[in-house]
Every structure is written in C-alpha cells, then in structure tokens.
C-alpha cells in the first residue's frame, strides 16, 4: 500500500478534496516522513509541525468549497517572507529577522488550501549553487553525499525528492530552481518574467533592476502533473507587484503537432555520453508523444550566457558587495571573488550596452519560438557536481556554476524553462540524476509542463528508485 507521503500532489489532492483522506492525516504523514529523514538531509531548517497540524484541523472543520491544494503539505524557502518566521536568507546577522507578513506567493498557496510544514535551507544570500550557510549548515542530497543538493533552492529540492511534502517552493535567478531539480531528480518549471507576483514585506530596499527581471518564484515537485495543479493558484495577481502579468495559466491551443527545437550544444565543457544518452531518450519520448523535434542551432547561446552572467555580476558588485563584506562568511566571500575572476565586472558603458543587446537576443529567440514553441537542450554538459565544488578553485567553478549556460539563457531572456529527470548516470560512488531542460515561448509555461508530462509518461520518474535506495 502506498503511504500518504509517497503520493504526488495531484493524487493526494484528489483524496483530500473528496474527504477520503483528512488534511490532518496528509499533513501528519509528511511530518512523520520529515522527522524520519530530515536529520540526515538537513533540508528543512524550520520545523512548523505544530502550526501545520493546527491548520490542517481547521481545514478539516471548514464547510463549503475546498481549494485546489486543500490539505497538501508543502515547504517554503527561507528567503521568502512567511508571517512571524525568520527570512534569514542564510545570513547569520539576519537569523532573527521576523517577517511582518506573508509574501504574495505564500498567501496564494495558503488561500488554495496548502499547509506549510517547514521552511527549507539556502546558501548565504541565496547566491551559491551549493546549499550551506553558517546558521544551519549543509543540506545533503537524498541520493547520497557524492552529489550536491544544488542551490540555491537545495533544501527545497532535497526535501521534496525525499518525500518531505508534496510541493516545495523555490526561486531562480540563474538556475536556482532547476539546479536542485536536476541534482535531486525532481521536476520544476521556472516561470517567465512577471508570472508569479513578487514582494517581501520585510525588504528594506528594492532589488537591482536586472535581478528584478531575472529572478522568479516557482515550485519543485515529483511529477510534472503537479505543476498544472499548483502553479495556477500561485500566479494569482497581487497589487504589491506592479509588473505582474495577469495572464491565465493555460494559453491558447496550438494548431497541428507542436514543433520542438533541439540542440546538443554545450559551452566550455564537453557533452558527457551519459548526458547525451538521456537527452536523446527525451527527444525520442517527445517524438513518440507526437511532437515534431528538429535539431537546430541555438541562437547566440554562448554570448547570452556570458553577457547574462557578466551583467548580473556587475549589478551584484555595486549593490551586494558591501553587504557580503560586512555580513558574509569567508565561504561566500570566496565564491564571489572566484566568480569575479571567472566573470569580471564591466564598466557602466559596457554594462548598458549589454542590457541593450539583451533585447536583440530576446528578439532572436522570440522569432525562433514563433516556429518552435519549445526547445529541448541539455541542462548540464556533465553529470551533477559533488558537494562544495563551487569553492574548490577555478575547475570547481567550471563544473558547478560554470555549467549554467542553458539555465542562464532562460533567466536573462525571461523565458519559461522546465527541468525534468531523464535518467541516472552511473559512477563508482553512486548514481546521479540527469535532468534535461525544455524552454518555452514567452508565457507558455503550460506547454513546457505538457511536454515534461509526455517525457514522464515514457521515461518514468525517479521517486521509487530513490526511496528504495534510501531504505
């Protein structure tokens, strides 16, 4: 018999909304799983079991219509405000900074009936591809300590993969949803620009303009179908975000078979044969599902990735370096120093020229995606990196954040991008999940999720293999 904590969000929602399973039972099952596996993972760093059970009981007592996420146990990343909880962002100086209210996305999820059972770990300032900080320490991948949990939503990825909640909130400025999805063997869609309302009541200043345009909020799940369930309520409009795009989740149906652009192109590191095998299996799964997949040259991949990183690092230098020097640990300072050596900041004139060219690149991809609404590519060229690789010199940076070329393209251009597991690479120390990326036309997250469902239906998910491995 399948335990409640093993159910995907869509399966569990059917049971809780019908009354076959109480919200309290669903939440208690997730809490029991959290208590069993979290001590070895350190994915959830704030345990909200007591308030979660109280909320679940209140939901069970409610009369009338039930929300789409009624009674579903979820987690929230600790860099987003949840009333009364610390939004430390992994920074020791902010460990007691309590949020005065809920961020819009938290409110949207709660309004839909979700129950927050815990808050998940991040790196300092949420600016590493490894989840470790001086307050809570290292988060580990449930596949084993030979593979990183990723970052910056590493706590979220580790938690949902291990069965701690059915949905995990995360955010993404250059890959922070998709890195953990790929490394932990789960699924996500990074929404496009303006899709999920963004605001933190505790914020003292606004973020830089480029960060505002690249950073988005989303969810990690074990099944792509769960994103069709949970993302529509999450994107509900909120007046705190003046640039939110109030479009429905589902766009208009497209005529005929959907064309998918496909590329094996990588930058800097060679394409590993095991990664290529998973990528080709994904291509074949899409063809079997009725998509028309054509291998084509991706426009300006290397240039977009390089300029996106350079522009973001330049903005970060001017707006974040003082806080990092004042509040950061030696580890985060070393990461930033290494990143600046690898991607030097530029002067203002060149920075502004880069931002101007951003529109040119976005236009290239907009024209391409008028013909190919989806684009399949590797996520990484190589299997996922080992823990702490980003602080192990130039080669460590190349193998971790240096592999973010395809993920950076999605953020810099504001396009939706999903990551779906496509297999396992085999190594002496143990298997590593392989994720591939599917980009979508602007505001067509629904098409990305449809394609990931088609891949899952043919290649399967990794949950059963992981849980058998965990014991």
Protein backbone atom coordinates (compact mmCIF):
# COMPACT_ATOMS: atom_id res chain seq x y z
CA UNK A 1 0.00 0.00 0.00
CA UNK A 2 1.33 3.44 -0.96
CA UNK A 3 1.90 5.67 2.07
CA UNK A 4 0.32 9.12 2.01
CA UNK A 5 3.73 10.83 1.97
CA UNK A 6 4.57 8.92 -1.23
CA UNK A 7 1.57 10.33 -3.10
CA UNK A 8 2.18 13.07 -5.64
CA UNK A 9 0.35 16.35 -5.11
CA UNK A 10 -2.30 15.60 -7.74
CA UNK A 11 -3.04 12.17 -6.26
CA UNK A 12 -3.17 13.46 -2.70
CA UNK A 13 -5.36 16.44 -3.62
CA UNK A 14 -7.95 14.07 -5.09
CA UNK A 15 -8.09 12.24 -1.75
CA UNK A 16 -8.17 15.32 0.50
CA UNK A 17 -10.70 17.25 -1.58
CA UNK A 18 -13.06 14.27 -1.69
CA UNK A 19 -12.78 13.76 2.05
CA UNK A 20 -11.43 10.24 1.64
CA UNK A 21 -8.30 11.42 3.46
CA UNK A 22 -8.33 14.21 6.03
CA UNK A 23 -5.98 17.16 5.77
CA UNK A 24 -4.64 16.23 9.18
CA UNK A 25 -3.77 12.70 8.05
CA UNK A 26 -2.00 14.01 4.96
CA UNK A 27 -0.03 16.55 6.96
CA UNK A 28 0.87 14.13 9.75
CA UNK A 29 2.21 11.63 7.21
CA UNK A 30 4.51 14.28 5.72
CA UNK A 31 5.65 15.36 9.19
CA UNK A 32 6.46 11.77 10.15
CA UNK A 33 8.49 11.42 6.96
CA UNK A 34 10.26 14.70 7.72
CA UNK A 35 11.21 13.51 11.20
CA UNK A 36 12.47 10.22 9.79
CA UNK A 37 14.74 11.53 7.00
CA UNK A 38 15.44 15.21 7.62
CA UNK A 39 18.08 14.66 10.35
CA UNK A 40 20.39 13.13 7.72
CA UNK A 41 19.48 15.66 5.00
CA UNK A 42 19.14 18.99 6.80
CA UNK A 43 16.74 20.13 4.07
CA UNK A 44 14.09 21.64 6.37
CA UNK A 45 15.64 24.03 8.89
CA UNK A 46 12.47 25.41 10.49
CA UNK A 47 10.01 22.76 11.68
CA UNK A 48 6.43 24.09 11.59
CA UNK A 49 4.75 20.83 12.58
CA UNK A 50 2.70 22.26 15.42
CA UNK A 51 1.15 25.11 13.42
CA UNK A 52 0.72 22.81 10.41
CA UNK A 53 -1.36 20.29 12.35
CA UNK A 54 -3.49 23.10 13.79
CA UNK A 55 -4.10 24.49 10.31
CA UNK A 56 -4.92 21.03 8.93
CA UNK A 57 -7.52 20.52 11.67
CA UNK A 58 -9.05 23.89 10.86
CA UNK A 59 -9.25 22.95 7.18
CA UNK A 60 -10.99 19.68 8.09
CA UNK A 61 -13.55 21.63 10.10
CA UNK A 62 -14.33 24.06 7.28
CA UNK A 63 -17.61 23.82 5.42
CA UNK A 64 -18.10 24.70 1.77
CA UNK A 65 -15.78 24.56 -1.27
CA UNK A 66 -12.23 23.32 -0.88
CA UNK A 67 -9.24 24.90 -2.53
CA UNK A 68 -7.25 23.05 -5.21
CA UNK A 69 -4.40 22.42 -2.75
CA UNK A 70 -6.65 21.51 0.18
CA UNK A 71 -4.59 19.90 2.94
CA UNK A 72 -1.44 19.45 0.86
CA UNK A 73 1.79 19.60 2.92
CA UNK A 74 4.35 21.97 1.37
CA UNK A 75 7.59 23.76 2.26
CA UNK A 76 8.68 27.39 1.79
CA UNK A 77 12.26 28.53 1.17
CA UNK A 78 13.71 30.66 3.98
CA UNK A 79 14.43 33.65 1.77
CA UNK A 80 10.70 34.37 1.32
CA UNK A 81 8.52 36.00 3.95
CA UNK A 82 6.10 33.94 5.98
CA UNK A 83 4.45 35.90 8.76
CA UNK A 84 6.27 35.55 12.08
CA UNK A 85 9.10 33.43 10.66
CA UNK A 86 12.70 34.45 10.08
CA UNK A 87 13.65 35.30 6.49
CA UNK A 88 17.35 34.93 7.22
CA UNK A 89 18.45 34.12 3.65
CA UNK A 90 21.17 32.03 5.28
CA UNK A 91 22.92 35.10 6.72
CA UNK A 92 23.90 34.89 10.38
CA UNK A 93 23.19 38.59 11.03
CA UNK A 94 19.58 38.14 9.86
CA UNK A 95 18.73 34.89 11.65
CA UNK A 96 16.16 36.58 13.90
CA UNK A 97 14.65 38.97 11.32
CA UNK A 98 10.96 38.08 11.56
CA UNK A 99 8.64 38.70 8.61
CA UNK A 100 5.76 41.13 9.31
CA UNK A 101 3.51 39.40 6.79
CA UNK A 102 3.22 36.78 4.08
CA UNK A 103 4.74 37.25 0.64
CA UNK A 104 2.04 37.16 -2.09
CA UNK A 105 3.06 33.70 -3.26
CA UNK A 106 2.73 32.33 0.28
CA UNK A 107 -0.70 33.92 0.61
CA UNK A 108 -1.73 32.45 -2.75
CA UNK A 109 -0.68 28.95 -1.74
CA UNK A 110 -2.40 29.24 1.64
CA UNK A 111 -5.57 30.60 0.02
CA UNK A 112 -5.56 27.48 -2.19
CA UNK A 113 -5.54 25.27 0.93
CA UNK A 114 -1.87 24.33 1.24
CA UNK A 115 -0.30 23.66 4.66
CA UNK A 116 3.30 24.74 5.32
CA UNK A 117 5.11 22.07 7.35
CA UNK A 118 8.57 23.63 7.26
CA UNK A 119 10.99 26.12 5.76
CA UNK A 120 13.89 24.95 3.62
CA UNK A 121 17.59 25.76 3.61
CA UNK A 122 19.52 28.13 1.32
CA UNK A 123 23.12 29.28 0.83
CA UNK A 124 24.11 32.68 2.18
CA UNK A 125 22.31 35.47 0.32
CA UNK A 126 20.88 32.66 -1.87
CA UNK A 127 23.84 33.24 -4.17
CA UNK A 128 25.63 29.91 -4.40
CA UNK A 129 24.87 26.74 -6.34
CA UNK A 130 25.54 24.84 -3.09
CA UNK A 131 23.20 24.94 -0.08
CA UNK A 132 25.29 25.66 3.00
CA UNK A 133 25.38 28.57 5.44
CA UNK A 134 26.75 29.49 8.90
CA UNK A 135 23.33 29.28 10.60
CA UNK A 136 22.08 25.86 9.56
CA UNK A 137 24.99 24.20 7.78
CA UNK A 138 24.99 21.88 4.78
CA UNK A 139 21.97 20.36 3.05
CA UNK A 140 22.56 16.90 1.59
CA UNK A 141 21.15 15.19 -1.46
CA UNK A 142 18.95 12.13 -0.68
CA UNK A 143 20.76 10.22 -3.47
CA UNK A 144 23.92 10.33 -1.36
CA UNK A 145 26.76 12.57 -0.29
CA UNK A 146 28.61 12.05 -3.56
CA UNK A 147 26.28 14.51 -5.32
CA UNK A 148 25.35 18.07 -4.35
CA UNK A 149 21.78 19.02 -3.46
CA UNK A 150 22.35 22.11 -5.61
CA UNK A 151 21.38 25.67 -4.89
CA UNK A 152 20.06 28.00 -4.09
CA UNK A 153 16.82 26.02 -3.58
CA UNK A 154 18.79 22.96 -2.46
CA UNK A 155 16.75 22.49 0.70
CA UNK A 156 13.56 22.51 -1.36
CA UNK A 157 14.89 20.01 -3.90
CA UNK A 158 16.24 17.63 -1.27
CA UNK A 159 13.01 17.81 0.75
CA UNK A 160 10.51 17.10 -2.00
CA UNK A 161 12.66 14.35 -3.52
CA UNK A 162 12.89 12.61 -0.14
CA UNK A 163 9.12 12.80 0.46
CA UNK A 164 9.04 15.79 2.84
CA UNK A 165 5.91 17.44 1.49
CA UNK A 166 4.44 17.12 -1.99
CA UNK A 167 5.43 20.59 -3.21
CA UNK A 168 8.43 22.76 -2.40
CA UNK A 169 8.65 26.46 -3.07
CA UNK A 170 11.88 27.81 -4.54
CA UNK A 171 13.16 30.71 -6.60
CA UNK A 172 15.50 31.11 -9.56
CA UNK A 173 17.75 33.94 -10.79
CA UNK A 174 20.18 31.85 -12.84
CA UNK A 175 19.11 28.26 -12.21
CA UNK A 176 18.17 28.06 -8.52
CA UNK A 177 15.03 26.02 -9.18
CA UNK A 178 16.50 23.93 -11.97
CA UNK A 179 19.88 23.12 -10.37
CA UNK A 180 18.19 21.36 -7.40
CA UNK A 181 15.59 19.76 -9.67
CA UNK A 182 18.34 18.28 -11.84
CA UNK A 183 20.55 17.22 -8.93
CA UNK A 184 17.80 15.67 -6.80
CA UNK A 185 15.85 14.06 -9.64
CA UNK A 186 12.64 16.08 -9.42
CA UNK A 187 10.78 18.40 -11.78
CA UNK A 188 10.22 22.15 -11.95
CA UNK A 189 9.25 24.90 -14.34
CA UNK A 190 10.96 28.25 -13.91
CA UNK A 191 8.18 30.71 -14.76
CA UNK A 192 8.79 33.50 -17.20
CA UNK A 193 9.15 37.15 -16.27
CA UNK A 194 6.13 38.58 -14.44
CA UNK A 195 4.21 35.33 -13.91
CA UNK A 196 4.32 34.92 -10.11
CA UNK A 197 3.78 38.07 -8.00
CA UNK A 198 6.96 39.07 -6.16
CA UNK A 199 7.22 41.04 -2.92
CA UNK A 200 8.75 40.51 0.51
CA UNK A 201 7.14 42.63 3.26
CA UNK A 202 10.41 42.58 5.23
CA UNK A 203 12.51 44.02 2.38
CA UNK A 204 14.19 47.31 3.30
CA UNK A 205 15.23 48.18 -0.27
CA UNK A 206 14.26 47.06 -3.75
CA UNK A 207 16.48 44.67 -5.67
CA UNK A 208 18.53 45.77 -8.67
CA UNK A 209 16.71 46.19 -11.96
CA UNK A 210 18.33 43.17 -13.59
CA UNK A 211 17.67 40.99 -10.54
CA UNK A 212 14.03 42.06 -10.67
CA UNK A 213 13.84 40.97 -14.30
CA UNK A 214 15.71 37.69 -13.91
CA UNK A 215 14.52 36.33 -10.53
CA UNK A 216 11.27 34.37 -10.39
CA UNK A 217 9.35 32.21 -7.90
CA UNK A 218 8.25 28.64 -8.54
CA UNK A 219 7.70 25.12 -7.26
CA UNK A 220 9.53 21.80 -7.28
CA UNK A 221 7.53 18.57 -7.41
CA UNK A 222 7.99 14.86 -8.02
CA UNK A 223 5.61 14.82 -11.00
CA UNK A 224 5.12 17.39 -13.76
CA UNK A 225 1.33 16.97 -13.48
CA UNK A 226 1.55 18.56 -10.03
CA UNK A 227 2.68 21.82 -11.63
CA UNK A 228 -0.58 22.07 -13.58
CA UNK A 229 -2.37 21.71 -10.24
CA UNK A 230 -0.29 24.10 -8.14
CA UNK A 231 1.00 26.83 -10.43
CA UNK A 232 -2.40 28.32 -11.40
CA UNK A 233 -3.25 29.40 -7.83
CA UNK A 234 0.35 30.52 -7.25
CA UNK A 235 0.25 33.04 -10.12
CA UNK A 236 -2.82 34.90 -8.78
CA UNK A 237 -2.28 38.65 -9.09
CA UNK A 238 -1.27 40.84 -6.16
CA UNK A 239 -1.10 44.65 -6.22
CA UNK A 240 2.25 44.62 -4.40
CA UNK A 241 3.84 43.57 -7.72
CA UNK A 242 3.22 46.39 -10.23
CA UNK A 243 4.86 44.42 -13.07
CA UNK A 244 2.92 41.18 -12.68
CA UNK A 245 1.44 39.84 -15.94
CA UNK A 246 -2.21 38.84 -15.30
CA UNK A 247 -2.47 36.04 -17.85
CA UNK A 248 -4.19 32.68 -17.29
CA UNK A 249 -2.01 29.64 -16.79
CA UNK A 250 -3.31 27.96 -19.92
CA UNK A 251 -2.65 29.72 -23.21
CA UNK A 252 -4.50 29.14 -26.48
CA UNK A 253 -4.26 25.70 -28.08
CA UNK A 254 -1.77 25.46 -30.93
CA UNK A 255 -2.72 24.04 -34.32
CA UNK A 256 -1.13 20.86 -35.56
CA UNK A 257 1.76 18.98 -33.93
CA UNK A 258 3.98 21.23 -31.83
CA UNK A 259 7.47 21.73 -33.21
CA UNK A 260 10.35 21.40 -30.77
CA UNK A 261 13.79 22.82 -31.46
CA UNK A 262 16.56 20.52 -30.26
CA UNK A 263 20.24 21.08 -29.61
CA UNK A 264 23.14 19.17 -28.08
CA UNK A 265 25.23 22.34 -27.99
CA UNK A 266 27.24 22.98 -24.83
CA UNK A 267 29.75 25.64 -23.80
CA UNK A 268 33.16 25.16 -22.17
CA UNK A 269 32.78 21.52 -21.04
CA UNK A 270 32.20 18.57 -23.43
CA UNK A 271 28.87 16.74 -23.53
CA UNK A 272 29.17 13.62 -21.40
CA UNK A 273 27.98 10.42 -23.19
CA UNK A 274 25.59 9.55 -20.34
CA UNK A 275 24.05 13.02 -20.50
CA UNK A 276 23.73 12.76 -24.28
CA UNK A 277 22.02 9.37 -23.91
CA UNK A 278 19.43 10.88 -21.53
CA UNK A 279 18.93 13.85 -23.86
CA UNK A 280 18.32 11.58 -26.85
CA UNK A 281 15.91 9.47 -24.80
CA UNK A 282 13.97 12.65 -24.04
CA UNK A 283 13.93 13.58 -27.71
CA UNK A 284 12.60 10.15 -28.62
CA UNK A 285 9.94 10.35 -25.90
CA UNK A 286 8.68 13.65 -27.32
CA UNK A 287 8.61 12.22 -30.86
CA UNK A 288 6.67 9.21 -29.58
CA UNK A 289 4.18 11.61 -27.97
CA UNK A 290 3.52 13.32 -31.30
CA UNK A 291 5.86 16.31 -31.14
CA UNK A 292 7.95 17.20 -34.20
CA UNK A 293 11.54 17.50 -32.99
CA UNK A 294 14.15 19.14 -35.24
CA UNK A 295 17.82 19.58 -34.39
CA UNK A 296 18.80 23.22 -34.98
CA UNK A 297 21.47 25.72 -33.96
CA UNK A 298 20.54 27.71 -30.82
CA UNK A 299 20.93 31.45 -31.45
CA UNK A 300 23.75 33.17 -29.51
CA UNK A 301 23.89 30.59 -26.68
CA UNK A 302 27.44 31.36 -25.56
CA UNK A 303 27.01 35.13 -25.93
CA UNK A 304 23.75 35.21 -23.96
CA UNK A 305 25.17 33.09 -21.15
CA UNK A 306 28.37 35.12 -20.93
CA UNK A 307 26.67 38.51 -21.04
CA UNK A 308 23.91 37.45 -18.69
CA UNK A 309 26.43 36.36 -16.07
CA UNK A 310 28.59 39.43 -16.61
CA UNK A 311 25.70 41.87 -16.34
CA UNK A 312 24.33 40.18 -13.23
CA UNK A 313 27.75 40.05 -11.57
CA UNK A 314 28.30 43.73 -12.37
CA UNK A 315 24.99 44.69 -10.79
CA UNK A 316 25.71 42.43 -7.81
CA UNK A 317 29.09 44.05 -7.27
CA UNK A 318 27.55 47.51 -6.99
CA UNK A 319 24.52 46.50 -4.91
CA UNK A 320 25.64 43.49 -2.84
CA UNK A 321 29.41 43.55 -2.31
CA UNK A 322 29.21 45.85 0.72
CA UNK A 323 26.71 43.58 2.50
CA UNK A 324 28.68 40.46 1.62
CA UNK A 325 31.85 42.00 3.02
CA UNK A 326 30.01 43.14 6.16
CA UNK A 327 27.75 40.16 6.89
CA UNK A 328 29.03 37.25 4.81
CA UNK A 329 31.21 34.31 5.82
CA UNK A 330 34.64 33.60 4.29
CA UNK A 331 32.98 30.93 2.10
CA UNK A 332 30.54 33.29 0.38
CA UNK A 333 33.26 35.93 0.04
CA UNK A 334 35.50 33.34 -1.65
CA UNK A 335 32.70 32.31 -4.02
CA UNK A 336 32.11 35.90 -5.07
CA UNK A 337 35.82 36.53 -5.51
CA UNK A 338 36.12 33.39 -7.64
CA UNK A 339 33.10 34.36 -9.70
CA UNK A 340 34.55 37.82 -10.35
CA UNK A 341 37.81 36.25 -11.50
CA UNK A 342 35.87 33.99 -13.84
CA UNK A 343 33.35 36.66 -14.91
CA UNK A 344 34.92 40.11 -14.35
CA UNK A 345 32.55 43.02 -13.84
CA UNK A 346 32.47 45.70 -16.52
CA UNK A 347 32.27 49.49 -16.54
CA UNK A 348 28.94 51.27 -16.84
CA UNK A 349 29.05 51.98 -20.58
CA UNK A 350 29.67 48.31 -21.40
CA UNK A 351 27.04 47.22 -18.88
CA UNK A 352 24.43 49.44 -20.55
CA UNK A 353 25.44 48.16 -23.97
CA UNK A 354 24.92 44.61 -22.72
CA UNK A 355 21.44 45.44 -21.48
CA UNK A 356 20.64 46.96 -24.86
CA UNK A 357 21.79 43.79 -26.64
CA UNK A 358 19.57 41.76 -24.31
CA UNK A 359 16.57 42.91 -26.38
CA UNK A 360 18.34 41.78 -29.55
CA UNK A 361 18.88 38.31 -28.07
CA UNK A 362 15.31 38.14 -26.81
CA UNK A 363 14.08 39.04 -30.28
CA UNK A 364 16.19 36.26 -31.83
CA UNK A 365 14.59 33.71 -29.55
CA UNK A 366 11.11 35.19 -29.92
CA UNK A 367 11.33 34.78 -33.68
CA UNK A 368 12.69 31.25 -33.30
CA UNK A 369 9.95 30.26 -30.87
CA UNK A 370 7.23 31.56 -33.15
CA UNK A 371 8.10 28.43 -35.18
CA UNK A 372 9.39 26.22 -32.35
CA UNK A 373 7.32 26.96 -29.20
CA UNK A 374 9.52 24.53 -27.24
CA UNK A 375 13.27 23.96 -27.22
CA UNK A 376 14.96 20.84 -25.82
CA UNK A 377 18.57 21.03 -24.67
CA UNK A 378 20.97 19.66 -22.08
CA UNK A 379 20.73 21.30 -18.70
CA UNK A 380 24.35 20.47 -17.81
CA UNK A 381 27.02 19.13 -20.14
CA UNK A 382 28.38 16.88 -17.39
CA UNK A 383 26.77 14.84 -14.56
CA UNK A 384 25.87 16.83 -11.46
CA UNK A 385 28.77 18.08 -9.37
CA UNK A 386 29.93 16.97 -5.91
CA UNK A 387 29.12 18.93 -2.72
CA UNK A 388 31.16 22.08 -2.20
CA UNK A 389 32.54 22.08 -5.73
CA UNK A 390 32.00 25.83 -6.19
CA UNK A 391 34.60 26.69 -3.53
CA UNK A 392 37.25 24.35 -4.94
CA UNK A 393 39.05 26.71 -7.30
CA UNK A 394 38.66 27.50 -10.99
CA UNK A 395 37.92 23.93 -12.06
CA UNK A 396 35.30 23.60 -9.32
CA UNK A 397 33.57 26.74 -10.58
CA UNK A 398 33.66 25.42 -14.15
CA UNK A 399 31.98 22.17 -13.10
CA UNK A 400 29.28 23.85 -10.98
CA UNK A 401 28.09 27.39 -11.71
CA UNK A 402 30.12 27.33 -14.93
CA UNK A 403 27.65 24.83 -16.40
CA UNK A 404 24.76 27.29 -16.12
CA UNK A 405 24.79 28.38 -19.77
CA UNK A 406 21.40 26.94 -20.74
CA UNK A 407 19.80 27.91 -17.43
CA UNK A 408 21.16 31.48 -17.63
CA UNK A 409 19.61 31.90 -21.08
CA UNK A 410 16.13 31.35 -19.66
CA UNK A 411 16.58 33.91 -16.88
CA UNK A 412 18.33 36.59 -18.92
CA UNK A 413 15.66 36.50 -21.63
CA UNK A 414 12.73 35.98 -19.23
CA UNK A 415 11.59 32.72 -20.86
CA UNK A 416 9.94 29.82 -19.01
CA UNK A 417 12.18 26.79 -18.64
CA UNK A 418 11.49 23.36 -17.16
CA UNK A 419 13.84 20.67 -15.93
CA UNK A 420 12.72 17.03 -15.99
CA UNK A 421 14.63 13.89 -14.96
CA UNK A 422 15.71 11.79 -17.93
CA UNK A 423 17.75 9.06 -16.31
CA UNK A 424 20.64 8.27 -13.98
CA UNK A 425 24.34 8.48 -14.68
CA UNK A 426 26.40 5.71 -13.11
CA UNK A 427 29.53 6.44 -11.09
CA UNK A 428 31.65 4.37 -8.67
CA UNK A 429 30.33 6.36 -5.72
CA UNK A 430 26.68 6.01 -6.76
CA UNK A 431 24.10 7.16 -9.35
CA UNK A 432 23.43 10.80 -10.16
CA UNK A 433 20.13 12.06 -11.61
CA UNK A 434 20.33 13.63 -15.06
CA UNK A 435 17.96 16.49 -15.80
CA UNK A 436 17.33 17.98 -19.23
CA UNK A 437 15.84 21.39 -19.99
CA UNK A 438 12.80 22.38 -22.04
CA UNK A 439 12.49 26.08 -22.82
CA UNK A 440 9.13 27.54 -23.74
CA UNK A 441 7.83 30.51 -25.68
CA UNK A 442 7.11 33.55 -23.52
CA UNK A 443 4.24 32.97 -21.06
CA UNK A 444 3.75 29.37 -22.21
CA UNK A 445 4.75 27.52 -19.07
CA UNK A 446 1.76 25.28 -19.77
CA UNK A 447 3.37 23.97 -22.95
CA UNK A 448 6.60 23.23 -21.09
CA UNK A 449 4.71 21.27 -18.44
CA UNK A 450 2.72 19.36 -21.07
CA UNK A 451 5.99 18.30 -22.71
CA UNK A 452 7.50 17.23 -19.38
CA UNK A 453 4.42 15.12 -18.68
CA UNK A 454 4.90 13.43 -22.05
CA UNK A 455 8.51 12.67 -21.11
CA UNK A 456 7.50 11.32 -17.68
CA UNK A 457 4.83 9.10 -19.22
CA UNK A 458 7.51 7.38 -21.28
CA UNK A 459 10.66 7.55 -19.17
CA UNK A 460 9.06 7.45 -15.70
CA UNK A 461 10.00 9.32 -12.56
CA UNK A 462 12.86 8.61 -10.14
CA UNK A 463 10.99 8.62 -6.82
CA UNK A 464 10.57 4.85 -6.39
CA UNK A 465 14.26 4.21 -7.15
CA UNK A 466 15.33 6.90 -4.72
CA UNK A 467 13.12 5.72 -1.86
CA UNK A 468 14.28 2.13 -2.32
CA UNK A 469 17.86 3.38 -2.15
CA UNK A 470 17.13 5.43 1.00
CA UNK A 471 15.60 2.39 2.70
